PDB file of N, CA and C in Angstrom:
ATOM      1  N   MET A   1     -17.170 -84.226 104.800  1.00  0.00           N
ATOM      2  CA  MET A   1     -16.267 -83.433 103.999  1.00  0.00           C
ATOM      3  C   MET A   1     -15.283 -84.376 103.314  1.00  0.00           C
ATOM      4  N   PRO A   2     -15.057 -84.239 101.997  1.00  0.00           N
ATOM      5  CA  PRO A   2     -14.125 -85.122 101.293  1.00  0.00           C
ATOM      6  C   PRO A   2     -12.688 -84.869 101.726  1.00  0.00           C
ATOM      7  N   ALA A   3     -11.887 -85.910 101.619  1.00  0.00           N
ATOM      8  CA  ALA A   3     -10.480 -85.793 102.008  1.00  0.00           C
ATOM      9  C   ALA A   3      -9.735 -84.942 100.997  1.00  0.00           C
ATOM     10  N   ILE A   4      -8.815 -84.126 101.484  1.00  0.00           N
ATOM     11  CA  ILE A   4      -7.994 -83.279 100.640  1.00  0.00           C
ATOM     12  C   ILE A   4      -6.696 -84.031 100.377  1.00  0.00           C
ATOM     13  N   VAL A   5      -6.168 -83.878  99.164  1.00  0.00           N
ATOM     14  CA  VAL A   5      -4.916 -84.548  98.813  1.00  0.00           C
ATOM     15  C   VAL A   5      -3.852 -84.176  99.829  1.00  0.00           C
ATOM     16  N   GLY A   6      -3.188 -85.173 100.343  1.00  0.00           N
ATOM     17  CA  GLY A   6      -2.140 -84.949 101.323  1.00  0.00           C
ATOM     18  C   GLY A   6      -2.611 -85.178 102.745  1.00  0.00           C
ATOM     19  N   GLN A   7      -3.930 -85.271 102.942  1.00  0.00           N
ATOM     20  CA  GLN A   7      -4.452 -85.560 104.265  1.00  0.00           C
ATOM     21  C   GLN A   7      -4.893 -87.007 104.328  1.00  0.00           C
ATOM     22  N   VAL A   8      -4.850 -87.580 105.498  1.00  0.00           N
ATOM     23  CA  VAL A   8      -5.281 -88.955 105.707  1.00  0.00           C
ATOM     24  C   VAL A   8      -6.725 -88.931 106.150  1.00  0.00           C
ATOM     25  N   SER A   9      -7.577 -89.665 105.485  1.00  0.00           N
ATOM     26  CA  SER A   9      -8.980 -89.732 105.845  1.00  0.00           C
ATOM     27  C   SER A   9      -9.132 -90.485 107.161  1.00  0.00           C
ATOM     28  N   ALA A  10     -10.067 -90.059 107.976  1.00  0.00           N
ATOM     29  CA  ALA A  10     -10.307 -90.711 109.259  1.00  0.00           C
ATOM     30  C   ALA A  10     -11.149 -91.969 109.106  1.00  0.00           C
ATOM     31  N   ASP A  11     -11.758 -92.177 107.956  1.00  0.00           N
ATOM     32  CA  ASP A  11     -12.620 -93.343 107.737  1.00  0.00           C
ATOM     33  C   ASP A  11     -11.756 -94.576 107.487  1.00  0.00           C
ATOM     34  N   THR A  12     -11.752 -95.517 108.420  1.00  0.00           N
ATOM     35  CA  THR A  12     -10.965 -96.744 108.273  1.00  0.00           C
ATOM     36  C   THR A  12     -11.845 -97.969 108.228  1.00  0.00           C
ATOM     37  N   SER A  13     -13.116 -97.811 107.884  1.00  0.00           N
ATOM     38  CA  SER A  13     -14.047 -98.932 107.898  1.00  0.00           C
ATOM     39  C   SER A  13     -13.704-100.006 106.873  1.00  0.00           C
ATOM     40  N   ASN A  14     -13.034 -99.637 105.802  1.00  0.00           N
ATOM     41  CA  ASN A  14     -12.683-100.607 104.763  1.00  0.00           C
ATOM     42  C   ASN A  14     -11.233-101.071 104.848  1.00  0.00           C
ATOM     43  N   SER A  15     -10.504-100.644 105.842  1.00  0.00           N
ATOM     44  CA  SER A  15      -9.098-101.026 105.935  1.00  0.00           C
ATOM     45  C   SER A  15      -8.961-102.443 106.482  1.00  0.00           C
ATOM     46  N   VAL A  16      -7.881-103.071 106.129  1.00  0.00           N
ATOM     47  CA  VAL A  16      -7.579-104.424 106.591  1.00  0.00           C
ATOM     48  C   VAL A  16      -6.328-104.343 107.443  1.00  0.00           C
ATOM     49  N   THR A  17      -6.366-104.954 108.592  1.00  0.00           N
ATOM     50  CA  THR A  17      -5.201-104.916 109.470  1.00  0.00           C
ATOM     51  C   THR A  17      -4.081-105.754 108.870  1.00  0.00           C
ATOM     52  N   PRO A  18      -2.834-105.407 109.132  1.00  0.00           N
ATOM     53  CA  PRO A  18      -1.709-106.168 108.570  1.00  0.00           C
ATOM     54  C   PRO A  18      -1.737-107.641 108.957  1.00  0.00           C
ATOM     55  N   SER A  19      -2.140-107.952 110.180  1.00  0.00           N
ATOM     56  CA  SER A  19      -2.140-109.352 110.583  1.00  0.00           C
ATOM     57  C   SER A  19      -3.160-110.157 109.785  1.00  0.00           C
ATOM     58  N   ARG A  20      -4.298-109.562 109.491  1.00  0.00           N
ATOM     59  CA  ARG A  20      -5.306-110.257 108.696  1.00  0.00           C
ATOM     60  C   ARG A  20      -4.824-110.417 107.255  1.00  0.00           C
ATOM     61  N   THR A  21      -4.196-109.386 106.724  1.00  0.00           N
ATOM     62  CA  THR A  21      -3.687-109.459 105.357  1.00  0.00           C
ATOM     63  C   THR A  21      -2.672-110.585 105.226  1.00  0.00           C
ATOM     64  N   SER A  22      -1.766-110.704 106.184  1.00  0.00           N
ATOM     65  CA  SER A  22      -0.744-111.736 106.090  1.00  0.00           C
ATOM     66  C   SER A  22      -1.359-113.126 106.195  1.00  0.00           C
ATOM     67  N   ARG A  23      -2.423-113.274 106.976  1.00  0.00           N
ATOM     68  CA  ARG A  23      -3.078-114.576 107.083  1.00  0.00           C
ATOM     69  C   ARG A  23      -3.817-114.919 105.796  1.00  0.00           C
ATOM     70  N   VAL A  24      -4.430-113.933 105.171  1.00  0.00           N
ATOM     71  CA  VAL A  24      -5.192-114.170 103.959  1.00  0.00           C
ATOM     72  C   VAL A  24      -4.253-114.526 102.806  1.00  0.00           C
ATOM     73  N   ASN A  25      -3.123-113.823 102.703  1.00  0.00           N
ATOM     74  CA  ASN A  25      -2.198-114.024 101.594  1.00  0.00           C
ATOM     75  C   ASN A  25      -1.218-115.167 101.818  1.00  0.00           C
ATOM     76  N   HIS A  26      -1.166-115.692 103.028  1.00  0.00           N
ATOM     77  CA  HIS A  26      -0.214-116.750 103.356  1.00  0.00           C
ATOM     78  C   HIS A  26      -0.673-118.075 102.750  1.00  0.00           C
ATOM     79  N   ILE A  27       0.162-118.669 101.949  1.00  0.00           N
ATOM     80  CA  ILE A  27      -0.113-119.979 101.377  1.00  0.00           C
ATOM     81  C   ILE A  27       0.765-120.979 102.094  1.00  0.00           C
ATOM     82  N   GLN A  28       0.147-122.012 102.634  1.00  0.00           N
ATOM     83  CA  GLN A  28       0.926-123.005 103.368  1.00  0.00           C
ATOM     84  C   GLN A  28       1.712-123.853 102.385  1.00  0.00           C
ATOM     85  N   ARG A  29       3.021-123.843 102.529  1.00  0.00           N
ATOM     86  CA  ARG A  29       3.889-124.672 101.692  1.00  0.00           C
ATOM     87  C   ARG A  29       4.391-125.815 102.537  1.00  0.00           C
ATOM     88  N   ARG A  30       4.506-126.973 101.898  1.00  0.00           N
ATOM     89  CA  ARG A  30       4.950-128.158 102.611  1.00  0.00           C
ATOM     90  C   ARG A  30       6.163-128.748 101.913  1.00  0.00           C
ATOM     91  N   ILE A  31       6.944-129.472 102.683  1.00  0.00           N
ATOM     92  CA  ILE A  31       8.109-130.182 102.154  1.00  0.00           C
ATOM     93  C   ILE A  31       7.829-131.668 102.273  1.00  0.00           C
ATOM     94  N   TYR A  32       7.986-132.385 101.158  1.00  0.00           N
ATOM     95  CA  TYR A  32       7.895-133.838 101.192  1.00  0.00           C
ATOM     96  C   TYR A  32       9.299-134.391 101.362  1.00  0.00           C
ATOM     97  N   ARG A  33       9.436-135.349 102.236  1.00  0.00           N
ATOM     98  CA  ARG A  33      10.677-136.106 102.336  1.00  0.00           C
ATOM     99  C   ARG A  33      10.534-137.312 101.414  1.00  0.00           C
ATOM    100  N   LEU A  34      11.610-138.059 101.232  1.00  0.00           N
ATOM    101  CA  LEU A  34      11.627-139.160 100.277  1.00  0.00           C
ATOM    102  C   LEU A  34      10.495-140.167 100.479  1.00  0.00           C
ATOM    103  N   PRO A  35      10.198-140.612 101.689  1.00  0.00           N
ATOM    104  CA  PRO A  35       9.091-141.572 101.839  1.00  0.00           C
ATOM    105  C   PRO A  35       7.750-141.018 101.350  1.00  0.00           C
ATOM    106  N   GLN A  36       7.518-139.727 101.535  1.00  0.00           N
ATOM    107  CA  GLN A  36       6.281-139.125 101.053  1.00  0.00           C
ATOM    108  C   GLN A  36       6.264-139.034  99.533  1.00  0.00           C
ATOM    109  N   VAL A  37       7.406-138.728  98.939  1.00  0.00           N
ATOM    110  CA  VAL A  37       7.493-138.670  97.477  1.00  0.00           C
ATOM    111  C   VAL A  37       7.274-140.067  96.898  1.00  0.00           C
ATOM    112  N   MET A  38       7.875-141.069  97.530  1.00  0.00           N
ATOM    113  CA  MET A  38       7.692-142.447  97.068  1.00  0.00           C
ATOM    114  C   MET A  38       6.224-142.864  97.175  1.00  0.00           C
ATOM    115  N   ALA A  39       5.563-142.475  98.256  1.00  0.00           N
ATOM    116  CA  ALA A  39       4.147-142.818  98.429  1.00  0.00           C
ATOM    117  C   ALA A  39       3.278-142.091  97.409  1.00  0.00           C
ATOM    118  N   ALA A  40       3.609-140.836  97.110  1.00  0.00           N
ATOM    119  CA  ALA A  40       2.814-140.046  96.170  1.00  0.00           C
ATOM    120  C   ALA A  40       2.964-140.541  94.733  1.00  0.00           C
ATOM    121  N   THR A  41       4.158-141.034  94.387  1.00  0.00           N
ATOM    122  CA  THR A  41       4.418-141.428  92.999  1.00  0.00           C
ATOM    123  C   THR A  41       4.313-142.925  92.762  1.00  0.00           C
ATOM    124  N   GLY A  42       4.555-143.705  93.791  1.00  0.00           N
ATOM    125  CA  GLY A  42       4.615-145.152  93.617  1.00  0.00           C
ATOM    126  C   GLY A  42       5.969-145.621  93.112  1.00  0.00           C
ATOM    127  N   PHE A  43       6.919-144.708  93.006  1.00  0.00           N
ATOM    128  CA  PHE A  43       8.259-145.031  92.518  1.00  0.00           C
ATOM    129  C   PHE A  43       9.207-145.266  93.683  1.00  0.00           C
ATOM    130  N   GLY A  44      10.271-145.988  93.414  1.00  0.00           N
ATOM    131  CA  GLY A  44      11.322-146.193  94.390  1.00  0.00           C
ATOM    132  C   GLY A  44      12.344-145.077  94.336  1.00  0.00           C
ATOM    133  N   ARG A  45      13.238-145.085  95.324  1.00  0.00           N
ATOM    134  CA  ARG A  45      14.248-144.052  95.451  1.00  0.00           C
ATOM    135  C   ARG A  45      15.097-143.899  94.189  1.00  0.00           C
ATOM    136  N   ALA A  46      15.604-145.006  93.687  1.00  0.00           N
ATOM    137  CA  ALA A  46      16.503-144.946  92.531  1.00  0.00           C
ATOM    138  C   ALA A  46      15.813-144.347  91.305  1.00  0.00           C
ATOM    139  N   TRP A  47      14.559-144.711  91.076  1.00  0.00           N
ATOM    140  CA  TRP A  47      13.858-144.206  89.895  1.00  0.00           C
ATOM    141  C   TRP A  47      13.541-142.718  90.046  1.00  0.00           C
ATOM    142  N   ILE A  48      13.221-142.273  91.248  1.00  0.00           N
ATOM    143  CA  ILE A  48      12.968-140.853  91.485  1.00  0.00           C
ATOM    144  C   ILE A  48      14.224-140.052  91.169  1.00  0.00           C
ATOM    145  N   TYR A  49      15.373-140.523  91.643  1.00  0.00           N
ATOM    146  CA  TYR A  49      16.616-139.814  91.374  1.00  0.00           C
ATOM    147  C   TYR A  49      17.010-139.897  89.906  1.00  0.00           C
ATOM    148  N   THR A  50      16.696-140.997  89.240  1.00  0.00           N
ATOM    149  CA  THR A  50      16.950-141.098  87.794  1.00  0.00           C
ATOM    150  C   THR A  50      16.123-140.068  87.042  1.00  0.00           C
ATOM    151  N   LEU A  51      14.836-139.967  87.370  1.00  0.00           N
ATOM    152  CA  LEU A  51      13.969-138.980  86.721  1.00  0.00           C
ATOM    153  C   LEU A  51      14.434-137.558  87.008  1.00  0.00           C
ATOM    154  N   MET A  52      14.885-137.301  88.229  1.00  0.00           N
ATOM    155  CA  MET A  52      15.426-135.982  88.563  1.00  0.00           C
ATOM    156  C   MET A  52      16.639-135.668  87.696  1.00  0.00           C
ATOM    157  N   GLY A  53      17.512-136.633  87.548  1.00  0.00           N
ATOM    158  CA  GLY A  53      18.710-136.439  86.742  1.00  0.00           C
ATOM    159  C   GLY A  53      18.404-136.156  85.287  1.00  0.00           C
ATOM    160  N   ARG A  54      17.319-136.728  84.787  1.00  0.00           N
ATOM    161  CA  ARG A  54      16.884-136.495  83.411  1.00  0.00           C
ATOM    162  C   ARG A  54      16.116-135.183  83.256  1.00  0.00           C
ATOM    163  N   GLY A  55      15.795-134.549  84.370  1.00  0.00           N
ATOM    164  CA  GLY A  55      14.990-133.327  84.326  1.00  0.00           C
ATOM    165  C   GLY A  55      13.509-133.603  84.140  1.00  0.00           C
ATOM    166  N   GLU A  56      13.085-134.827  84.463  1.00  0.00           N
ATOM    167  CA  GLU A  56      11.696-135.228  84.264  1.00  0.00           C
ATOM    168  C   GLU A  56      10.903-135.269  85.566  1.00  0.00           C
ATOM    169  N   PHE A  57      11.495-134.840  86.656  1.00  0.00           N
ATOM    170  CA  PHE A  57      10.838-134.842  87.955  1.00  0.00           C
ATOM    171  C   PHE A  57      11.351-133.639  88.742  1.00  0.00           C
ATOM    172  N   PRO A  58      10.520-133.043  89.601  1.00  0.00           N
ATOM    173  CA  PRO A  58      10.983-131.885  90.375  1.00  0.00           C
ATOM    174  C   PRO A  58      12.261-132.190  91.159  1.00  0.00           C
ATOM    175  N   LYS A  59      13.157-131.228  91.177  1.00  0.00           N
ATOM    176  CA  LYS A  59      14.428-131.374  91.875  1.00  0.00           C
ATOM    177  C   LYS A  59      14.246-131.303  93.382  1.00  0.00           C
ATOM    178  N   ALA A  60      15.035-132.078  94.080  1.00  0.00           N
ATOM    179  CA  ALA A  60      15.070-132.007  95.542  1.00  0.00           C
ATOM    180  C   ALA A  60      15.794-130.727  95.947  1.00  0.00           C
ATOM    181  N   VAL A  61      15.419-130.191  97.093  1.00  0.00           N
ATOM    182  CA  VAL A  61      16.015-128.970  97.618  1.00  0.00           C
ATOM    183  C   VAL A  61      16.684-129.305  98.944  1.00  0.00           C
ATOM    184  N   LYS A  62      17.893-128.814  99.128  1.00  0.00           N
ATOM    185  CA  LYS A  62      18.604-129.063 100.375  1.00  0.00           C
ATOM    186  C   LYS A  62      17.913-128.294 101.495  1.00  0.00           C
ATOM    187  N   ILE A  63      17.505-129.011 102.547  1.00  0.00           N
ATOM    188  CA  ILE A  63      16.797-128.373 103.658  1.00  0.00           C
ATOM    189  C   ILE A  63      17.593-128.445 104.963  1.00  0.00           C
ATOM    190  N   GLY A  64      18.726-129.056 104.911  1.00  0.00           N
ATOM    191  CA  GLY A  64      19.602-129.175 106.081  1.00  0.00           C
ATOM    192  C   GLY A  64      20.968-129.607 105.612  1.00  0.00           C
ATOM    193  N   GLN A  65      21.878-129.825 106.559  1.00  0.00           N
ATOM    194  CA  GLN A  65      23.227-130.239 106.187  1.00  0.00           C
ATOM    195  C   GLN A  65      23.228-131.573 105.458  1.00  0.00           C
ATOM    196  N   ARG A  66      22.399-132.496 105.921  1.00  0.00           N
ATOM    197  CA  ARG A  66      22.392-133.829 105.328  1.00  0.00           C
ATOM    198  C   ARG A  66      20.996-134.286 104.928  1.00  0.00           C
ATOM    199  N   SER A  67      20.138-133.335 104.581  1.00  0.00           N
ATOM    200  CA  SER A  67      18.777-133.727 104.229  1.00  0.00           C
ATOM    201  C   SER A  67      18.252-132.911 103.054  1.00  0.00           C
ATOM    202  N   VAL A  68      17.399-133.558 102.283  1.00  0.00           N
ATOM    203  CA  VAL A  68      16.751-132.901 101.153  1.00  0.00           C
ATOM    204  C   VAL A  68      15.251-133.140 101.254  1.00  0.00           C
ATOM    205  N   GLY A  69      14.526-132.310 100.546  1.00  0.00           N
ATOM    206  CA  GLY A  69      13.083-132.453 100.481  1.00  0.00           C
ATOM    207  C   GLY A  69      12.595-131.921  99.153  1.00  0.00           C
ATOM    208  N   TRP A  70      11.342-132.171  98.880  1.00  0.00           N
ATOM    209  CA  TRP A  70      10.724-131.734  97.635  1.00  0.00           C
ATOM    210  C   TRP A  70       9.581-130.795  97.951  1.00  0.00           C
ATOM    211  N   ASP A  71       9.387-129.794  97.123  1.00  0.00           N
ATOM    212  CA  ASP A  71       8.238-128.911  97.253  1.00  0.00           C
ATOM    213  C   ASP A  71       6.995-129.753  96.982  1.00  0.00           C
ATOM    214  N   ALA A  72       6.139-129.892  97.984  1.00  0.00           N
ATOM    215  CA  ALA A  72       4.971-130.766  97.879  1.00  0.00           C
ATOM    216  C   ALA A  72       4.065-130.353  96.729  1.00  0.00           C
ATOM    217  N   ASP A  73       3.931-129.057  96.502  1.00  0.00           N
ATOM    218  CA  ASP A  73       3.065-128.581  95.429  1.00  0.00           C
ATOM    219  C   ASP A  73       3.583-129.036  94.068  1.00  0.00           C
ATOM    220  N   LEU A  74       4.900-128.962  93.873  1.00  0.00           N
ATOM    221  CA  LEU A  74       5.482-129.393  92.594  1.00  0.00           C
ATOM    222  C   LEU A  74       5.305-130.892  92.382  1.00  0.00           C
ATOM    223  N   VAL A  75       5.489-131.670  93.430  1.00  0.00           N
ATOM    224  CA  VAL A  75       5.314-133.121  93.323  1.00  0.00           C
ATOM    225  C   VAL A  75       3.857-133.448  93.034  1.00  0.00           C
ATOM    226  N   ASP A  76       2.943-132.801  93.753  1.00  0.00           N
ATOM    227  CA  ASP A  76       1.520-133.056  93.539  1.00  0.00           C
ATOM    228  C   ASP A  76       1.081-132.673  92.127  1.00  0.00           C
ATOM    229  N   LYS A  77       1.605-131.556  91.611  1.00  0.00           N
ATOM    230  CA  LYS A  77       1.283-131.153  90.237  1.00  0.00           C
ATOM    231  C   LYS A  77       1.853-132.150  89.232  1.00  0.00           C
ATOM    232  N   TRP A  78       3.055-132.647  89.492  1.00  0.00           N
ATOM    233  CA  TRP A  78       3.671-133.629  88.604  1.00  0.00           C
ATOM    234  C   TRP A  78       2.809-134.893  88.558  1.00  0.00           C
ATOM    235  N   VAL A  79       2.364-135.357  89.710  1.00  0.00           N
ATOM    236  CA  VAL A  79       1.507-136.545  89.779  1.00  0.00           C
ATOM    237  C   VAL A  79       0.195-136.282  89.032  1.00  0.00           C
ATOM    238  N   ALA A  80      -0.392-135.098  89.227  1.00  0.00           N
ATOM    239  CA  ALA A  80      -1.658-134.767  88.571  1.00  0.00           C
ATOM    240  C   ALA A  80      -1.524-134.784  87.054  1.00  0.00           C
ATOM    241  N   THR A  81      -0.398-134.286  86.526  1.00  0.00           N
ATOM    242  CA  THR A  81      -0.218-134.299  85.066  1.00  0.00           C
ATOM    243  C   THR A  81      -0.110-135.724  84.551  1.00  0.00           C
ATOM    244  N   ARG A  82       0.499-136.610  85.341  1.00  0.00           N
ATOM    245  CA  ARG A  82       0.594-138.009  84.917  1.00  0.00           C
ATOM    246  C   ARG A  82      -0.775-138.678  84.945  1.00  0.00           C
ATOM    247  N   LEU A  83      -1.570-138.355  85.952  1.00  0.00           N
ATOM    248  CA  LEU A  83      -2.899-138.929  86.052  1.00  0.00           C
ATOM    249  C   LEU A  83      -3.830-138.401  84.960  1.00  0.00           C
ATOM    250  N   ASP A  84      -3.552-137.173  84.494  1.00  0.00           N
ATOM    251  CA  ASP A  84      -4.348-136.597  83.419  1.00  0.00           C
ATOM    252  C   ASP A  84      -3.866-137.063  82.045  1.00  0.00           C
ATOM    253  N   GLY A  85      -2.789-137.851  82.006  1.00  0.00           N
ATOM    254  CA  GLY A  85      -2.276-138.378  80.747  1.00  0.00           C
ATOM    255  C   GLY A  85      -1.407-137.418  79.971  1.00  0.00           C
ATOM    256  N   VAL A  86      -0.819-136.449  80.651  1.00  0.00           N
ATOM    257  CA  VAL A  86       0.039-135.464  79.997  1.00  0.00           C
ATOM    258  C   VAL A  86       1.490-135.751  80.326  1.00  0.00           C
ATOM    259  N   ALA A  87       1.937-136.961  80.080  1.00  0.00           N
ATOM    260  CA  ALA A  87       3.298-137.368  80.454  1.00  0.00           C
ATOM    261  C   ALA A  87       4.318-136.895  79.470  1.00  0.00           C
TER     262      ALA A  87
END
């Protein structure tokens, strides 16, 4: 018998549990600290901060009282554009 508007169908064969949905939609984000950014770019600390100041490199994000980090995805994309010659 088809479901009537306002009633909940008993057929749950196609439903996805919330825990599975959250695992499927969850994208792992990583934070690079300065040594990782330096290794990924080949640049030193001063040049990374110079490029940040010019708006030519992803900005560091405060992750603690006295620490900063970079969104790894943004840094990796920045490196990829340089390797593709889109500087």
